[in-house]
Amino acid sequence: MDEPLDLRGLKCPMPALFAKRALLRAPPGGCVEILTDDPLAALDVPHMCRNENFEVVSLDRDGDRARMVLRRP
């Protein structure tokens, strides 16, 4: 993993769209870490992952802020 993808300040659906784009660019088995502060992103990004067959490795929430590690299969 490189630097986290900072998606703070973006409102849904943008964090899910940017996360999907980053995952599609990652090599198979690669991980992407994202940071968000939209309370809906902690729901929308995992939902997008389920629909697109990506894996949510971890999801840490602190109020509206979330840190997620996602993996491309």
N, C-alpha and C. Protein backbone atom coordinates (compact mmCIF):
# COMPACT_ATOMS: atom_id res chain seq x y z
N MET A 1 0.84 -1.18 0.00
CA MET A 1 0.00 0.00 0.00
C MET A 1 0.88 1.24 0.00
N ASP A 2 0.47 2.19 -0.78
CA ASP A 2 1.15 3.47 -0.79
C ASP A 2 0.46 4.40 0.20
N GLU A 3 0.51 5.69 -0.09
CA GLU A 3 -0.17 6.68 0.73
C GLU A 3 -1.67 6.39 0.74
N PRO A 4 -2.33 6.66 1.86
CA PRO A 4 -3.80 6.48 1.87
C PRO A 4 -4.45 7.44 0.88
N LEU A 5 -5.54 7.02 0.31
CA LEU A 5 -6.33 7.85 -0.59
C LEU A 5 -7.22 8.72 0.28
N ASP A 6 -6.93 10.01 0.33
CA ASP A 6 -7.64 10.93 1.21
C ASP A 6 -8.89 11.44 0.50
N LEU A 7 -10.03 10.93 0.91
CA LEU A 7 -11.32 11.30 0.31
C LEU A 7 -12.14 12.15 1.26
N ARG A 8 -11.48 12.71 2.28
CA ARG A 8 -12.19 13.58 3.22
C ARG A 8 -12.66 14.83 2.49
N GLY A 9 -13.85 15.26 2.84
CA GLY A 9 -14.43 16.44 2.20
C GLY A 9 -15.34 16.09 1.04
N LEU A 10 -15.30 14.83 0.58
CA LEU A 10 -16.17 14.41 -0.52
C LEU A 10 -17.43 13.77 0.04
N LYS A 11 -18.53 14.03 -0.61
CA LYS A 11 -19.82 13.45 -0.21
C LYS A 11 -20.17 12.30 -1.14
N CYS A 12 -20.91 11.34 -0.61
CA CYS A 12 -21.32 10.18 -1.39
C CYS A 12 -22.16 10.63 -2.57
N PRO A 13 -21.93 10.00 -3.69
CA PRO A 13 -21.26 8.72 -3.91
C PRO A 13 -19.78 8.83 -4.27
N MET A 14 -19.20 10.02 -4.20
CA MET A 14 -17.83 10.20 -4.67
C MET A 14 -16.80 9.30 -3.98
N PRO A 15 -16.82 9.12 -2.64
CA PRO A 15 -15.82 8.22 -2.04
C PRO A 15 -15.89 6.80 -2.61
N ALA A 16 -17.08 6.27 -2.82
CA ALA A 16 -17.22 4.93 -3.38
C ALA A 16 -16.69 4.88 -4.81
N LEU A 17 -16.97 5.91 -5.59
CA LEU A 17 -16.49 5.93 -6.98
C LEU A 17 -14.98 6.03 -7.05
N PHE A 18 -14.38 6.88 -6.23
CA PHE A 18 -12.92 7.00 -6.22
C PHE A 18 -12.26 5.73 -5.68
N ALA A 19 -12.87 5.10 -4.68
CA ALA A 19 -12.33 3.85 -4.15
C ALA A 19 -12.37 2.76 -5.22
N LYS A 20 -13.46 2.67 -5.95
CA LYS A 20 -13.57 1.67 -7.01
C LYS A 20 -12.52 1.92 -8.08
N ARG A 21 -12.33 3.15 -8.47
CA ARG A 21 -11.33 3.48 -9.49
C ARG A 21 -9.93 3.07 -9.01
N ALA A 22 -9.62 3.36 -7.75
CA ALA A 22 -8.31 2.99 -7.20
C ALA A 22 -8.13 1.48 -7.16
N LEU A 23 -9.18 0.75 -6.79
CA LEU A 23 -9.10 -0.71 -6.74
C LEU A 23 -8.92 -1.31 -8.12
N LEU A 24 -9.57 -0.75 -9.12
CA LEU A 24 -9.42 -1.25 -10.48
C LEU A 24 -8.01 -1.02 -11.01
N ARG A 25 -7.33 -0.01 -10.51
CA ARG A 25 -5.94 0.27 -10.92
C ARG A 25 -4.92 -0.55 -10.13
N ALA A 26 -5.34 -1.09 -8.99
CA ALA A 26 -4.44 -1.88 -8.15
C ALA A 26 -4.19 -3.24 -8.80
N PRO A 27 -3.02 -3.82 -8.56
CA PRO A 27 -2.77 -5.16 -9.09
C PRO A 27 -3.63 -6.19 -8.35
N PRO A 28 -3.87 -7.34 -8.94
CA PRO A 28 -4.62 -8.38 -8.23
C PRO A 28 -3.97 -8.67 -6.88
N GLY A 29 -4.80 -8.71 -5.85
CA GLY A 29 -4.31 -8.92 -4.49
C GLY A 29 -3.84 -7.65 -3.81
N GLY A 30 -3.84 -6.53 -4.55
CA GLY A 30 -3.39 -5.26 -4.00
C GLY A 30 -4.42 -4.63 -3.09
N CYS A 31 -3.93 -3.83 -2.15
CA CYS A 31 -4.80 -3.14 -1.19
C CYS A 31 -4.77 -1.64 -1.41
N VAL A 32 -5.87 -1.01 -1.07
CA VAL A 32 -6.01 0.44 -1.11
C VAL A 32 -6.54 0.88 0.25
N GLU A 33 -5.90 1.87 0.84
CA GLU A 33 -6.37 2.44 2.10
C GLU A 33 -7.04 3.77 1.78
N ILE A 34 -8.25 3.99 2.32
CA ILE A 34 -8.94 5.25 2.09
C ILE A 34 -9.33 5.88 3.42
N LEU A 35 -9.38 7.20 3.40
CA LEU A 35 -9.82 7.99 4.55
C LEU A 35 -11.03 8.79 4.11
N THR A 36 -12.09 8.77 4.90
CA THR A 36 -13.31 9.51 4.58
C THR A 36 -13.84 10.20 5.83
N ASP A 37 -14.68 11.21 5.60
CA ASP A 37 -15.36 11.87 6.72
C ASP A 37 -16.85 12.06 6.45
N ASP A 38 -17.34 11.45 5.39
CA ASP A 38 -18.78 11.46 5.11
C ASP A 38 -19.38 10.26 5.84
N PRO A 39 -20.34 10.48 6.74
CA PRO A 39 -20.88 9.35 7.51
C PRO A 39 -21.47 8.25 6.63
N LEU A 40 -21.96 8.58 5.45
CA LEU A 40 -22.53 7.55 4.57
C LEU A 40 -21.46 6.72 3.87
N ALA A 41 -20.24 7.22 3.78
CA ALA A 41 -19.18 6.49 3.09
C ALA A 41 -18.88 5.16 3.77
N ALA A 42 -18.99 5.10 5.09
CA ALA A 42 -18.73 3.85 5.81
C ALA A 42 -19.78 2.79 5.48
N LEU A 43 -20.89 3.20 4.89
CA LEU A 43 -21.91 2.26 4.42
C LEU A 43 -21.79 2.02 2.92
N ASP A 44 -21.59 3.11 2.16
CA ASP A 44 -21.58 3.02 0.70
C ASP A 44 -20.36 2.30 0.15
N VAL A 45 -19.19 2.54 0.72
CA VAL A 45 -17.97 1.91 0.20
C VAL A 45 -18.02 0.40 0.40
N PRO A 46 -18.34 -0.11 1.60
CA PRO A 46 -18.46 -1.57 1.73
C PRO A 46 -19.56 -2.17 0.83
N HIS A 47 -20.65 -1.44 0.65
CA HIS A 47 -21.71 -1.89 -0.26
C HIS A 47 -21.18 -2.02 -1.69
N MET A 48 -20.42 -1.00 -2.13
CA MET A 48 -19.81 -1.05 -3.46
C MET A 48 -18.87 -2.26 -3.55
N CYS A 49 -18.09 -2.51 -2.50
CA CYS A 49 -17.16 -3.63 -2.51
C CYS A 49 -17.90 -4.96 -2.66
N ARG A 50 -18.99 -5.13 -1.94
CA ARG A 50 -19.78 -6.37 -2.07
C ARG A 50 -20.30 -6.54 -3.49
N ASN A 51 -20.79 -5.46 -4.08
CA ASN A 51 -21.35 -5.53 -5.43
C ASN A 51 -20.30 -5.77 -6.50
N GLU A 52 -19.07 -5.30 -6.26
CA GLU A 52 -18.00 -5.39 -7.26
C GLU A 52 -17.00 -6.51 -6.95
N ASN A 53 -17.27 -7.31 -5.92
CA ASN A 53 -16.41 -8.42 -5.52
C ASN A 53 -15.03 -7.99 -5.03
N PHE A 54 -14.97 -6.85 -4.36
CA PHE A 54 -13.76 -6.43 -3.66
C PHE A 54 -13.92 -6.82 -2.20
N GLU A 55 -12.82 -6.86 -1.47
CA GLU A 55 -12.86 -7.26 -0.06
C GLU A 55 -12.59 -6.06 0.84
N VAL A 56 -13.37 -5.93 1.89
CA VAL A 56 -13.11 -4.94 2.93
C VAL A 56 -12.24 -5.64 3.98
N VAL A 57 -10.97 -5.28 4.01
CA VAL A 57 -10.03 -5.91 4.95
C VAL A 57 -10.25 -5.36 6.35
N SER A 58 -10.42 -4.03 6.44
CA SER A 58 -10.69 -3.43 7.75
C SER A 58 -11.49 -2.15 7.56
N LEU A 59 -12.25 -1.82 8.58
CA LEU A 59 -13.05 -0.59 8.61
C LEU A 59 -13.01 -0.09 10.05
N ASP A 60 -12.35 1.05 10.24
CA ASP A 60 -12.25 1.67 11.56
C ASP A 60 -12.98 3.00 11.51
N ARG A 61 -13.94 3.18 12.43
CA ARG A 61 -14.72 4.42 12.47
C ARG A 61 -14.44 5.17 13.76
N ASP A 62 -14.44 6.49 13.64
CA ASP A 62 -14.33 7.38 14.79
C ASP A 62 -15.27 8.54 14.50
N GLY A 63 -16.51 8.41 14.95
CA GLY A 63 -17.53 9.41 14.62
C GLY A 63 -17.83 9.33 13.13
N ASP A 64 -17.73 10.45 12.45
CA ASP A 64 -17.97 10.48 11.00
C ASP A 64 -16.75 10.04 10.20
N ARG A 65 -15.59 10.03 10.82
CA ARG A 65 -14.36 9.66 10.12
C ARG A 65 -14.25 8.15 10.02
N ALA A 66 -13.71 7.70 8.89
CA ALA A 66 -13.50 6.27 8.70
C ALA A 66 -12.19 6.04 7.95
N ARG A 67 -11.54 4.95 8.32
CA ARG A 67 -10.34 4.48 7.63
C ARG A 67 -10.66 3.06 7.18
N MET A 68 -10.53 2.83 5.87
CA MET A 68 -10.84 1.51 5.31
C MET A 68 -9.67 0.99 4.52
N VAL A 69 -9.42 -0.29 4.64
CA VAL A 69 -8.45 -0.97 3.79
C VAL A 69 -9.26 -1.94 2.93
N LEU A 70 -9.09 -1.79 1.63
CA LEU A 70 -9.85 -2.58 0.67
C LEU A 70 -8.88 -3.38 -0.18
N ARG A 71 -9.30 -4.58 -0.62
CA ARG A 71 -8.41 -5.42 -1.42
C ARG A 71 -9.09 -5.84 -2.71
N ARG A 72 -8.29 -5.80 -3.77
CA ARG A 72 -8.76 -6.32 -5.04
C ARG A 72 -8.44 -7.82 -5.08
N PRO A 73 -9.40 -8.66 -5.48
CA PRO A 73 -9.12 -10.12 -5.51
C PRO A 73 -8.11 -10.48 -6.58
